[in-house]
Amino acid sequence: MQCRVEERDHAVIVSVTGAVDLVGQAAFADAVRDALGREPSSVVIDLAGVTFLASPGLAVLVEAQENAMRAHKSLQVAVGNGIAARSLEVTGLAQVLSLVPDTDTALGG
């Protein structure tokens, strides 16, 4: 799993690729915390490149939503058409998180 954090168009984007499981949970959580700690008030977690999303990764997303609400920040999850979208729908988290199809949509493009 790889995470990249970048600022673009007045938002912070966390791009994740690979398998998000117990092994990658700490790195994923660190990247999300880093993003939420930055100045822009909008954070996008891009999961379009995720090949596997296990419960530890889902837990990071729930914690991110809670932390974003406390910090008065907008959090959107770009899911694409892949594994992440299905995992979030099956677990019911699609009802809790703000899902968008891609980062361009999240950035208003």
PDB file of N, CA and C in Angstrom:
ATOM      1  N   MET A   1       0.836  -1.172   0.000  1.00  0.00           N
ATOM      2  CA  MET A   1       0.000   0.000   0.000  1.00  0.00           C
ATOM      3  C   MET A   1       0.882   1.237   0.000  1.00  0.00           C
ATOM      4  N   GLN A   2       0.443   2.244  -0.719  1.00  0.00           N
ATOM      5  CA  GLN A   2       1.149   3.517  -0.751  1.00  0.00           C
ATOM      6  C   GLN A   2       0.158   4.649  -0.549  1.00  0.00           C
ATOM      7  N   CYS A   3       0.586   5.665   0.205  1.00  0.00           N
ATOM      8  CA  CYS A   3      -0.219   6.861   0.424  1.00  0.00           C
ATOM      9  C   CYS A   3       0.594   8.081   0.009  1.00  0.00           C
ATOM     10  N   ARG A   4      -0.081   9.001  -0.642  1.00  0.00           N
ATOM     11  CA  ARG A   4       0.545  10.266  -1.019  1.00  0.00           C
ATOM     12  C   ARG A   4      -0.392  11.382  -0.575  1.00  0.00           C
ATOM     13  N   VAL A   5       0.177  12.396   0.087  1.00  0.00           N
ATOM     14  CA  VAL A   5      -0.601  13.542   0.544  1.00  0.00           C
ATOM     15  C   VAL A   5      -0.122  14.764  -0.222  1.00  0.00           C
ATOM     16  N   GLU A   6      -1.078  15.470  -0.847  1.00  0.00           N
ATOM     17  CA  GLU A   6      -0.724  16.670  -1.603  1.00  0.00           C
ATOM     18  C   GLU A   6      -1.828  17.716  -1.464  1.00  0.00           C
ATOM     19  N   GLU A   7      -1.440  18.971  -1.580  1.00  0.00           N
ATOM     20  CA  GLU A   7      -2.411  20.059  -1.576  1.00  0.00           C
ATOM     21  C   GLU A   7      -2.657  20.471  -3.015  1.00  0.00           C
ATOM     22  N   ARG A   8      -3.958  20.584  -3.358  1.00  0.00           N
ATOM     23  CA  ARG A   8      -4.335  20.966  -4.716  1.00  0.00           C
ATOM     24  C   ARG A   8      -5.694  21.640  -4.679  1.00  0.00           C
ATOM     25  N   ASP A   9      -5.821  22.738  -5.380  1.00  0.00           N
ATOM     26  CA  ASP A   9      -7.102  23.436  -5.497  1.00  0.00           C
ATOM     27  C   ASP A   9      -7.770  23.684  -4.141  1.00  0.00           C
ATOM     28  N   HIS A  10      -7.026  24.203  -3.190  1.00  0.00           N
ATOM     29  CA  HIS A  10      -7.546  24.558  -1.864  1.00  0.00           C
ATOM     30  C   HIS A  10      -8.075  23.355  -1.088  1.00  0.00           C
ATOM     31  N   ALA A  11      -7.497  22.188  -1.342  1.00  0.00           N
ATOM     32  CA  ALA A  11      -7.873  20.967  -0.618  1.00  0.00           C
ATOM     33  C   ALA A  11      -6.623  20.127  -0.394  1.00  0.00           C
ATOM     34  N   VAL A  12      -6.726  19.225   0.547  1.00  0.00           N
ATOM     35  CA  VAL A  12      -5.663  18.246   0.764  1.00  0.00           C
ATOM     36  C   VAL A  12      -6.190  16.905   0.261  1.00  0.00           C
ATOM     37  N   ILE A  13      -5.392  16.245  -0.566  1.00  0.00           N
ATOM     38  CA  ILE A  13      -5.796  14.965  -1.139  1.00  0.00           C
ATOM     39  C   ILE A  13      -4.868  13.875  -0.627  1.00  0.00           C
ATOM     40  N   VAL A  14      -5.468  12.822  -0.095  1.00  0.00           N
ATOM     41  CA  VAL A  14      -4.735  11.623   0.304  1.00  0.00           C
ATOM     42  C   VAL A  14      -5.043  10.565  -0.750  1.00  0.00           C
ATOM     43  N   SER A  15      -4.056  10.231  -1.567  1.00  0.00           N
ATOM     44  CA  SER A  15      -4.241   9.217  -2.609  1.00  0.00           C
ATOM     45  C   SER A  15      -3.672   7.898  -2.107  1.00  0.00           C
ATOM     46  N   VAL A  16      -4.496   6.865  -2.159  1.00  0.00           N
ATOM     47  CA  VAL A  16      -4.116   5.557  -1.637  1.00  0.00           C
ATOM     48  C   VAL A  16      -4.173   4.537  -2.768  1.00  0.00           C
ATOM     49  N   THR A  17      -3.128   3.709  -2.865  1.00  0.00           N
ATOM     50  CA  THR A  17      -3.109   2.621  -3.839  1.00  0.00           C
ATOM     51  C   THR A  17      -2.696   1.334  -3.142  1.00  0.00           C
ATOM     52  N   GLY A  18      -3.181   0.225  -3.665  1.00  0.00           N
ATOM     53  CA  GLY A  18      -2.826  -1.076  -3.110  1.00  0.00           C
ATOM     54  C   GLY A  18      -3.831  -1.566  -2.087  1.00  0.00           C
ATOM     55  N   ALA A  19      -3.389  -2.509  -1.284  1.00  0.00           N
ATOM     56  CA  ALA A  19      -4.245  -3.146  -0.286  1.00  0.00           C
ATOM     57  C   ALA A  19      -4.188  -2.389   1.033  1.00  0.00           C
ATOM     58  N   VAL A  20      -5.347  -1.994   1.532  1.00  0.00           N
ATOM     59  CA  VAL A  20      -5.435  -1.318   2.825  1.00  0.00           C
ATOM     60  C   VAL A  20      -5.918  -2.357   3.826  1.00  0.00           C
ATOM     61  N   ASP A  21      -4.964  -2.897   4.572  1.00  0.00           N
ATOM     62  CA  ASP A  21      -5.253  -3.953   5.538  1.00  0.00           C
ATOM     63  C   ASP A  21      -4.560  -3.627   6.849  1.00  0.00           C
ATOM     64  N   LEU A  22      -4.441  -4.606   7.726  1.00  0.00           N
ATOM     65  CA  LEU A  22      -3.821  -4.385   9.027  1.00  0.00           C
ATOM     66  C   LEU A  22      -2.379  -3.902   8.894  1.00  0.00           C
ATOM     67  N   VAL A  23      -1.664  -4.418   7.904  1.00  0.00           N
ATOM     68  CA  VAL A  23      -0.266  -4.034   7.702  1.00  0.00           C
ATOM     69  C   VAL A  23      -0.157  -2.556   7.317  1.00  0.00           C
ATOM     70  N   GLY A  24      -1.060  -2.069   6.491  1.00  0.00           N
ATOM     71  CA  GLY A  24      -0.991  -0.684   6.032  1.00  0.00           C
ATOM     72  C   GLY A  24      -1.798   0.305   6.849  1.00  0.00           C
ATOM     73  N   GLN A  25      -2.503  -0.181   7.853  1.00  0.00           N
ATOM     74  CA  GLN A  25      -3.393   0.691   8.632  1.00  0.00           C
ATOM     75  C   GLN A  25      -2.654   1.883   9.241  1.00  0.00           C
ATOM     76  N   ALA A  26      -1.520   1.672   9.839  1.00  0.00           N
ATOM     77  CA  ALA A  26      -0.802   2.759  10.514  1.00  0.00           C
ATOM     78  C   ALA A  26      -0.373   3.828   9.514  1.00  0.00           C
ATOM     79  N   ALA A  27       0.151   3.427   8.381  1.00  0.00           N
ATOM     80  CA  ALA A  27       0.580   4.400   7.368  1.00  0.00           C
ATOM     81  C   ALA A  27      -0.615   5.172   6.821  1.00  0.00           C
ATOM     82  N   PHE A  28      -1.722   4.481   6.596  1.00  0.00           N
ATOM     83  CA  PHE A  28      -2.940   5.127   6.108  1.00  0.00           C
ATOM     84  C   PHE A  28      -3.451   6.128   7.141  1.00  0.00           C
ATOM     85  N   ALA A  29      -3.507   5.716   8.386  1.00  0.00           N
ATOM     86  CA  ALA A  29      -3.974   6.594   9.460  1.00  0.00           C
ATOM     87  C   ALA A  29      -3.065   7.814   9.602  1.00  0.00           C
ATOM     88  N   ASP A  30      -1.763   7.618   9.504  1.00  0.00           N
ATOM     89  CA  ASP A  30      -0.820   8.739   9.597  1.00  0.00           C
ATOM     90  C   ASP A  30      -1.041   9.736   8.464  1.00  0.00           C
ATOM     91  N   ALA A  31      -1.243   9.239   7.251  1.00  0.00           N
ATOM     92  CA  ALA A  31      -1.462  10.113   6.098  1.00  0.00           C
ATOM     93  C   ALA A  31      -2.747  10.917   6.272  1.00  0.00           C
ATOM     94  N   VAL A  32      -3.787  10.280   6.769  1.00  0.00           N
ATOM     95  CA  VAL A  32      -5.066  10.978   6.975  1.00  0.00           C
ATOM     96  C   VAL A  32      -4.932  12.019   8.079  1.00  0.00           C
ATOM     97  N   ARG A  33      -4.251  11.684   9.159  1.00  0.00           N
ATOM     98  CA  ARG A  33      -4.032  12.656  10.242  1.00  0.00           C
ATOM     99  C   ARG A  33      -3.236  13.856   9.735  1.00  0.00           C
ATOM    100  N   ASP A  34      -2.217  13.581   8.917  1.00  0.00           N
ATOM    101  CA  ASP A  34      -1.414  14.646   8.320  1.00  0.00           C
ATOM    102  C   ASP A  34      -2.311  15.573   7.498  1.00  0.00           C
ATOM    103  N   ALA A  35      -3.162  14.993   6.674  1.00  0.00           N
ATOM    104  CA  ALA A  35      -4.059  15.785   5.824  1.00  0.00           C
ATOM    105  C   ALA A  35      -5.005  16.636   6.662  1.00  0.00           C
ATOM    106  N   LEU A  36      -5.586  16.052   7.692  1.00  0.00           N
ATOM    107  CA  LEU A  36      -6.527  16.788   8.535  1.00  0.00           C
ATOM    108  C   LEU A  36      -5.844  17.891   9.344  1.00  0.00           C
ATOM    109  N   GLY A  37      -4.544  17.747   9.553  1.00  0.00           N
ATOM    110  CA  GLY A  37      -3.792  18.744  10.308  1.00  0.00           C
ATOM    111  C   GLY A  37      -3.323  19.924   9.476  1.00  0.00           C
ATOM    112  N   ARG A  38      -3.486  19.852   8.180  1.00  0.00           N
ATOM    113  CA  ARG A  38      -3.054  20.948   7.307  1.00  0.00           C
ATOM    114  C   ARG A  38      -4.099  22.055   7.255  1.00  0.00           C
ATOM    115  N   GLU A  39      -3.700  23.173   6.666  1.00  0.00           N
ATOM    116  CA  GLU A  39      -4.520  24.383   6.635  1.00  0.00           C
ATOM    117  C   GLU A  39      -5.835  24.262   5.859  1.00  0.00           C
ATOM    118  N   PRO A  40      -5.849  23.715   4.641  1.00  0.00           N
ATOM    119  CA  PRO A  40      -7.127  23.700   3.908  1.00  0.00           C
ATOM    120  C   PRO A  40      -8.235  23.002   4.701  1.00  0.00           C
ATOM    121  N   SER A  41      -9.450  23.516   4.548  1.00  0.00           N
ATOM    122  CA  SER A  41     -10.569  22.966   5.304  1.00  0.00           C
ATOM    123  C   SER A  41     -11.276  21.830   4.573  1.00  0.00           C
ATOM    124  N   SER A  42     -10.772  21.455   3.416  1.00  0.00           N
ATOM    125  CA  SER A  42     -11.357  20.354   2.654  1.00  0.00           C
ATOM    126  C   SER A  42     -10.319  19.249   2.470  1.00  0.00           C
ATOM    127  N   VAL A  43     -10.725  18.026   2.799  1.00  0.00           N
ATOM    128  CA  VAL A  43      -9.846  16.859   2.657  1.00  0.00           C
ATOM    129  C   VAL A  43     -10.563  15.831   1.797  1.00  0.00           C
ATOM    130  N   VAL A  44      -9.812  15.291   0.842  1.00  0.00           N
ATOM    131  CA  VAL A  44     -10.336  14.244  -0.032  1.00  0.00           C
ATOM    132  C   VAL A  44      -9.454  13.020   0.135  1.00  0.00           C
ATOM    133  N   ILE A  45     -10.081  11.881   0.411  1.00  0.00           N
ATOM    134  CA  ILE A  45      -9.355  10.618   0.459  1.00  0.00           C
ATOM    135  C   ILE A  45      -9.698   9.866  -0.817  1.00  0.00           C
ATOM    136  N   ASP A  46      -8.693   9.696  -1.668  1.00  0.00           N
ATOM    137  CA  ASP A  46      -8.888   9.062  -2.973  1.00  0.00           C
ATOM    138  C   ASP A  46      -8.565   7.574  -2.869  1.00  0.00           C
ATOM    139  N   LEU A  47      -9.602   6.752  -2.922  1.00  0.00           N
ATOM    140  CA  LEU A  47      -9.448   5.297  -2.807  1.00  0.00           C
ATOM    141  C   LEU A  47      -9.607   4.581  -4.144  1.00  0.00           C
ATOM    142  N   ALA A  48      -9.617   5.316  -5.240  1.00  0.00           N
ATOM    143  CA  ALA A  48      -9.847   4.706  -6.561  1.00  0.00           C
ATOM    144  C   ALA A  48      -8.794   3.648  -6.903  1.00  0.00           C
ATOM    145  N   GLY A  49      -7.581   3.789  -6.377  1.00  0.00           N
ATOM    146  CA  GLY A  49      -6.516   2.836  -6.666  1.00  0.00           C
ATOM    147  C   GLY A  49      -6.381   1.711  -5.657  1.00  0.00           C
ATOM    148  N   VAL A  50      -7.350   1.588  -4.758  1.00  0.00           N
ATOM    149  CA  VAL A  50      -7.294   0.550  -3.727  1.00  0.00           C
ATOM    150  C   VAL A  50      -7.718  -0.800  -4.316  1.00  0.00           C
ATOM    151  N   THR A  51      -6.927  -1.824  -4.023  1.00  0.00           N
ATOM    152  CA  THR A  51      -7.215  -3.174  -4.532  1.00  0.00           C
ATOM    153  C   THR A  51      -7.875  -4.062  -3.482  1.00  0.00           C
ATOM    154  N   PHE A  52      -7.807  -3.657  -2.212  1.00  0.00           N
ATOM    155  CA  PHE A  52      -8.401  -4.425  -1.115  1.00  0.00           C
ATOM    156  C   PHE A  52      -8.609  -3.457   0.040  1.00  0.00           C
ATOM    157  N   LEU A  53      -9.792  -3.459   0.631  1.00  0.00           N
ATOM    158  CA  LEU A  53     -10.100  -2.560   1.747  1.00  0.00           C
ATOM    159  C   LEU A  53     -10.661  -3.389   2.888  1.00  0.00           C
ATOM    160  N   ALA A  54      -9.806  -3.681   3.864  1.00  0.00           N
ATOM    161  CA  ALA A  54     -10.196  -4.500   5.010  1.00  0.00           C
ATOM    162  C   ALA A  54     -10.712  -3.613   6.152  1.00  0.00           C
ATOM    163  N   SER A  55     -11.212  -4.258   7.181  1.00  0.00           N
ATOM    164  CA  SER A  55     -11.818  -3.526   8.301  1.00  0.00           C
ATOM    165  C   SER A  55     -10.867  -2.522   8.959  1.00  0.00           C
ATOM    166  N   PRO A  56      -9.545  -2.760   9.054  1.00  0.00           N
ATOM    167  CA  PRO A  56      -8.684  -1.719   9.618  1.00  0.00           C
ATOM    168  C   PRO A  56      -8.709  -0.430   8.790  1.00  0.00           C
ATOM    169  N   GLY A  57      -8.791  -0.547   7.482  1.00  0.00           N
ATOM    170  CA  GLY A  57      -8.896   0.625   6.625  1.00  0.00           C
ATOM    171  C   GLY A  57     -10.226   1.327   6.791  1.00  0.00           C
ATOM    172  N   LEU A  58     -11.283   0.551   6.959  1.00  0.00           N
ATOM    173  CA  LEU A  58     -12.602   1.128   7.196  1.00  0.00           C
ATOM    174  C   LEU A  58     -12.623   1.889   8.521  1.00  0.00           C
ATOM    175  N   ALA A  59     -11.941   1.353   9.513  1.00  0.00           N
ATOM    176  CA  ALA A  59     -11.865   2.023  10.820  1.00  0.00           C
ATOM    177  C   ALA A  59     -11.157   3.369  10.700  1.00  0.00           C
ATOM    178  N   VAL A  60     -10.131   3.435   9.867  1.00  0.00           N
ATOM    179  CA  VAL A  60      -9.431   4.705   9.648  1.00  0.00           C
ATOM    180  C   VAL A  60     -10.384   5.728   9.036  1.00  0.00           C
ATOM    181  N   LEU A  61     -11.215   5.287   8.104  1.00  0.00           N
ATOM    182  CA  LEU A  61     -12.171   6.199   7.474  1.00  0.00           C
ATOM    183  C   LEU A  61     -13.202   6.729   8.472  1.00  0.00           C
ATOM    184  N   VAL A  62     -13.694   5.863   9.352  1.00  0.00           N
ATOM    185  CA  VAL A  62     -14.660   6.293  10.373  1.00  0.00           C
ATOM    186  C   VAL A  62     -14.009   7.301  11.321  1.00  0.00           C
ATOM    187  N   GLU A  63     -12.795   7.001  11.754  1.00  0.00           N
ATOM    188  CA  GLU A  63     -12.075   7.931  12.639  1.00  0.00           C
ATOM    189  C   GLU A  63     -11.815   9.257  11.923  1.00  0.00           C
ATOM    190  N   ALA A  64     -11.478   9.197  10.640  1.00  0.00           N
ATOM    191  CA  ALA A  64     -11.231  10.417   9.867  1.00  0.00           C
ATOM    192  C   ALA A  64     -12.484  11.285   9.815  1.00  0.00           C
ATOM    193  N   GLN A  65     -13.630  10.652   9.607  1.00  0.00           N
ATOM    194  CA  GLN A  65     -14.893  11.405   9.566  1.00  0.00           C
ATOM    195  C   GLN A  65     -15.152  12.091  10.901  1.00  0.00           C
ATOM    196  N   GLU A  66     -14.944  11.381  11.993  1.00  0.00           N
ATOM    197  CA  GLU A  66     -15.144  11.958  13.321  1.00  0.00           C
ATOM    198  C   GLU A  66     -14.188  13.123  13.569  1.00  0.00           C
ATOM    199  N   ASN A  67     -12.910  12.934  13.200  1.00  0.00           N
ATOM    200  CA  ASN A  67     -11.916  13.992  13.406  1.00  0.00           C
ATOM    201  C   ASN A  67     -12.195  15.207  12.517  1.00  0.00           C
ATOM    202  N   ALA A  68     -12.650  14.971  11.296  1.00  0.00           N
ATOM    203  CA  ALA A  68     -12.978  16.078  10.393  1.00  0.00           C
ATOM    204  C   ALA A  68     -14.135  16.891  10.966  1.00  0.00           C
ATOM    205  N   MET A  69     -15.135  16.213  11.489  1.00  0.00           N
ATOM    206  CA  MET A  69     -16.277  16.925  12.077  1.00  0.00           C
ATOM    207  C   MET A  69     -15.832  17.772  13.270  1.00  0.00           C
ATOM    208  N   ARG A  70     -14.988  17.209  14.114  1.00  0.00           N
ATOM    209  CA  ARG A  70     -14.486  17.958  15.277  1.00  0.00           C
ATOM    210  C   ARG A  70     -13.670  19.179  14.855  1.00  0.00           C
ATOM    211  N   ALA A  71     -12.924  19.046  13.754  1.00  0.00           N
ATOM    212  CA  ALA A  71     -12.066  20.132  13.268  1.00  0.00           C
ATOM    213  C   ALA A  71     -12.807  21.081  12.324  1.00  0.00           C
ATOM    214  N   HIS A  72     -14.103  20.832  12.102  1.00  0.00           N
ATOM    215  CA  HIS A  72     -14.918  21.645  11.195  1.00  0.00           C
ATOM    216  C   HIS A  72     -14.343  21.650   9.776  1.00  0.00           C
ATOM    217  N   LYS A  73     -13.967  20.460   9.327  1.00  0.00           N
ATOM    218  CA  LYS A  73     -13.426  20.295   7.979  1.00  0.00           C
ATOM    219  C   LYS A  73     -14.355  19.408   7.163  1.00  0.00           C
ATOM    220  N   SER A  74     -14.317  19.622   5.875  1.00  0.00           N
ATOM    221  CA  SER A  74     -15.083  18.793   4.951  1.00  0.00           C
ATOM    222  C   SER A  74     -14.241  17.578   4.581  1.00  0.00           C
ATOM    223  N   LEU A  75     -14.826  16.397   4.660  1.00  0.00           N
ATOM    224  CA  LEU A  75     -14.132  15.167   4.269  1.00  0.00           C
ATOM    225  C   LEU A  75     -14.968  14.450   3.220  1.00  0.00           C
ATOM    226  N   GLN A  76     -14.345  14.187   2.077  1.00  0.00           N
ATOM    227  CA  GLN A  76     -15.005  13.431   1.020  1.00  0.00           C
ATOM    228  C   GLN A  76     -14.119  12.245   0.660  1.00  0.00           C
ATOM    229  N   VAL A  77     -14.756  11.152   0.295  1.00  0.00           N
ATOM    230  CA  VAL A  77     -14.035   9.942  -0.086  1.00  0.00           C
ATOM    231  C   VAL A  77     -14.342   9.655  -1.553  1.00  0.00           C
ATOM    232  N   ALA A  78     -13.306   9.712  -2.377  1.00  0.00           N
ATOM    233  CA  ALA A  78     -13.446   9.410  -3.805  1.00  0.00           C
ATOM    234  C   ALA A  78     -13.248   7.908  -3.983  1.00  0.00           C
ATOM    235  N   VAL A  79     -14.284   7.233  -4.463  1.00  0.00           N
ATOM    236  CA  VAL A  79     -14.257   5.771  -4.469  1.00  0.00           C
ATOM    237  C   VAL A  79     -14.070   5.135  -5.843  1.00  0.00           C
ATOM    238  N   GLY A  80     -14.281   5.873  -6.901  1.00  0.00           N
ATOM    239  CA  GLY A  80     -14.187   5.255  -8.223  1.00  0.00           C
ATOM    240  C   GLY A  80     -15.258   4.183  -8.367  1.00  0.00           C
ATOM    241  N   ASN A  81     -15.003   3.214  -9.226  1.00  0.00           N
ATOM    242  CA  ASN A  81     -15.955   2.121  -9.453  1.00  0.00           C
ATOM    243  C   ASN A  81     -15.446   0.792  -8.921  1.00  0.00           C
ATOM    244  N   GLY A  82     -14.449   0.827  -8.070  1.00  0.00           N
ATOM    245  CA  GLY A  82     -13.777  -0.399  -7.690  1.00  0.00           C
ATOM    246  C   GLY A  82     -14.128  -0.961  -6.333  1.00  0.00           C
ATOM    247  N   ILE A  83     -13.133  -1.584  -5.774  1.00  0.00           N
ATOM    248  CA  ILE A  83     -13.231  -2.310  -4.509  1.00  0.00           C
ATOM    249  C   ILE A  83     -13.737  -1.416  -3.376  1.00  0.00           C
ATOM    250  N   ALA A  84     -13.203  -0.214  -3.282  1.00  0.00           N
ATOM    251  CA  ALA A  84     -13.569   0.671  -2.167  1.00  0.00           C
ATOM    252  C   ALA A  84     -15.059   0.970  -2.172  1.00  0.00           C
ATOM    253  N   ALA A  85     -15.599   1.266  -3.331  1.00  0.00           N
ATOM    254  CA  ALA A  85     -17.034   1.571  -3.427  1.00  0.00           C
ATOM    255  C   ALA A  85     -17.871   0.403  -2.935  1.00  0.00           C
ATOM    256  N   ARG A  86     -17.518  -0.792  -3.357  1.00  0.00           N
ATOM    257  CA  ARG A  86     -18.277  -1.978  -2.938  1.00  0.00           C
ATOM    258  C   ARG A  86     -18.134  -2.235  -1.445  1.00  0.00           C
ATOM    259  N   SER A  87     -16.919  -2.109  -0.921  1.00  0.00           N
ATOM    260  CA  SER A  87     -16.695  -2.338   0.510  1.00  0.00           C
ATOM    261  C   SER A  87     -17.500  -1.366   1.363  1.00  0.00           C
ATOM    262  N   LEU A  88     -17.532  -0.109   0.954  1.00  0.00           N
ATOM    263  CA  LEU A  88     -18.262   0.897   1.727  1.00  0.00           C
ATOM    264  C   LEU A  88     -19.768   0.693   1.639  1.00  0.00           C
ATOM    265  N   GLU A  89     -20.249   0.248   0.501  1.00  0.00           N
ATOM    266  CA  GLU A  89     -21.684  -0.024   0.365  1.00  0.00           C
ATOM    267  C   GLU A  89     -22.098  -1.240   1.185  1.00  0.00           C
ATOM    268  N   VAL A  90     -21.320  -2.305   1.113  1.00  0.00           N
ATOM    269  CA  VAL A  90     -21.647  -3.545   1.818  1.00  0.00           C
ATOM    270  C   VAL A  90     -21.664  -3.339   3.334  1.00  0.00           C
ATOM    271  N   THR A  91     -20.733  -2.520   3.836  1.00  0.00           N
ATOM    272  CA  THR A  91     -20.633  -2.315   5.284  1.00  0.00           C
ATOM    273  C   THR A  91     -21.593  -1.246   5.802  1.00  0.00           C
ATOM    274  N   GLY A  92     -22.251  -0.525   4.896  1.00  0.00           N
ATOM    275  CA  GLY A  92     -23.151   0.532   5.315  1.00  0.00           C
ATOM    276  C   GLY A  92     -22.471   1.876   5.520  1.00  0.00           C
ATOM    277  N   LEU A  93     -21.166   1.924   5.359  1.00  0.00           N
ATOM    278  CA  LEU A  93     -20.452   3.188   5.564  1.00  0.00           C
ATOM    279  C   LEU A  93     -20.725   4.194   4.453  1.00  0.00           C
ATOM    280  N   ALA A  94     -21.263   3.729   3.349  1.00  0.00           N
ATOM    281  CA  ALA A  94     -21.649   4.658   2.277  1.00  0.00           C
ATOM    282  C   ALA A  94     -22.723   5.622   2.764  1.00  0.00           C
ATOM    283  N   GLN A  95     -23.454   5.230   3.803  1.00  0.00           N
ATOM    284  CA  GLN A  95     -24.496   6.086   4.365  1.00  0.00           C
ATOM    285  C   GLN A  95     -23.921   7.093   5.357  1.00  0.00           C
ATOM    286  N   VAL A  96     -22.707   6.836   5.838  1.00  0.00           N
ATOM    287  CA  VAL A  96     -22.089   7.665   6.872  1.00  0.00           C
ATOM    288  C   VAL A  96     -21.088   8.653   6.282  1.00  0.00           C
ATOM    289  N   LEU A  97     -20.344   8.214   5.291  1.00  0.00           N
ATOM    290  CA  LEU A  97     -19.299   9.023   4.682  1.00  0.00           C
ATOM    291  C   LEU A  97     -19.845   9.770   3.468  1.00  0.00           C
ATOM    292  N   SER A  98     -19.195  10.869   3.137  1.00  0.00           N
ATOM    293  CA  SER A  98     -19.556  11.624   1.943  1.00  0.00           C
ATOM    294  C   SER A  98     -18.751  11.058   0.773  1.00  0.00           C
ATOM    295  N   LEU A  99     -19.409  10.261  -0.068  1.00  0.00           N
ATOM    296  CA  LEU A  99     -18.738   9.597  -1.186  1.00  0.00           C
ATOM    297  C   LEU A  99     -18.925  10.384  -2.472  1.00  0.00           C
ATOM    298  N   VAL A 100     -17.858  10.444  -3.248  1.00  0.00           N
ATOM    299  CA  VAL A 100     -17.882  11.045  -4.578  1.00  0.00           C
ATOM    300  C   VAL A 100     -17.196  10.064  -5.534  1.00  0.00           C
ATOM    301  N   PRO A 101     -17.504  10.148  -6.828  1.00  0.00           N
ATOM    302  CA  PRO A 101     -16.903   9.187  -7.758  1.00  0.00           C
ATOM    303  C   PRO A 101     -15.403   9.369  -7.966  1.00  0.00           C
ATOM    304  N   ASP A 102     -14.918  10.618  -7.913  1.00  0.00           N
ATOM    305  CA  ASP A 102     -13.481  10.860  -8.169  1.00  0.00           C
ATOM    306  C   ASP A 102     -13.058  12.185  -7.554  1.00  0.00           C
ATOM    307  N   THR A 103     -11.754  12.445  -7.583  1.00  0.00           N
ATOM    308  CA  THR A 103     -11.237  13.667  -6.971  1.00  0.00           C
ATOM    309  C   THR A 103     -11.689  14.922  -7.712  1.00  0.00           C
ATOM    310  N   ASP A 104     -11.846  14.844  -9.023  1.00  0.00           N
ATOM    311  CA  ASP A 104     -12.309  16.018  -9.775  1.00  0.00           C
ATOM    312  C   ASP A 104     -13.687  16.458  -9.289  1.00  0.00           C
ATOM    313  N   THR A 105     -14.562  15.506  -9.046  1.00  0.00           N
ATOM    314  CA  THR A 105     -15.891  15.820  -8.520  1.00  0.00           C
ATOM    315  C   THR A 105     -15.762  16.450  -7.133  1.00  0.00           C
ATOM    316  N   ALA A 106     -14.906  15.882  -6.303  1.00  0.00           N
ATOM    317  CA  ALA A 106     -14.710  16.418  -4.947  1.00  0.00           C
ATOM    318  C   ALA A 106     -14.185  17.850  -4.979  1.00  0.00           C
ATOM    319  N   LEU A 107     -13.348  18.149  -5.963  1.00  0.00           N
ATOM    320  CA  LEU A 107     -12.758  19.481  -6.067  1.00  0.00           C
ATOM    321  C   LEU A 107     -13.655  20.458  -6.823  1.00  0.00           C
ATOM    322  N   GLY A 108     -14.806  19.975  -7.247  1.00  0.00           N
ATOM    323  CA  GLY A 108     -15.758  20.841  -7.925  1.00  0.00           C
ATOM    324  C   GLY A 108     -15.503  21.022  -9.398  1.00  0.00           C
ATOM    325  N   GLY A 109     -14.711  20.118  -9.977  1.00  0.00           N
ATOM    326  CA  GLY A 109     -14.345  20.256 -11.388  1.00  0.00           C
ATOM    327  C   GLY A 109     -15.184  19.516 -12.342  1.00  0.00           C
TER     328      GLY A 109
END
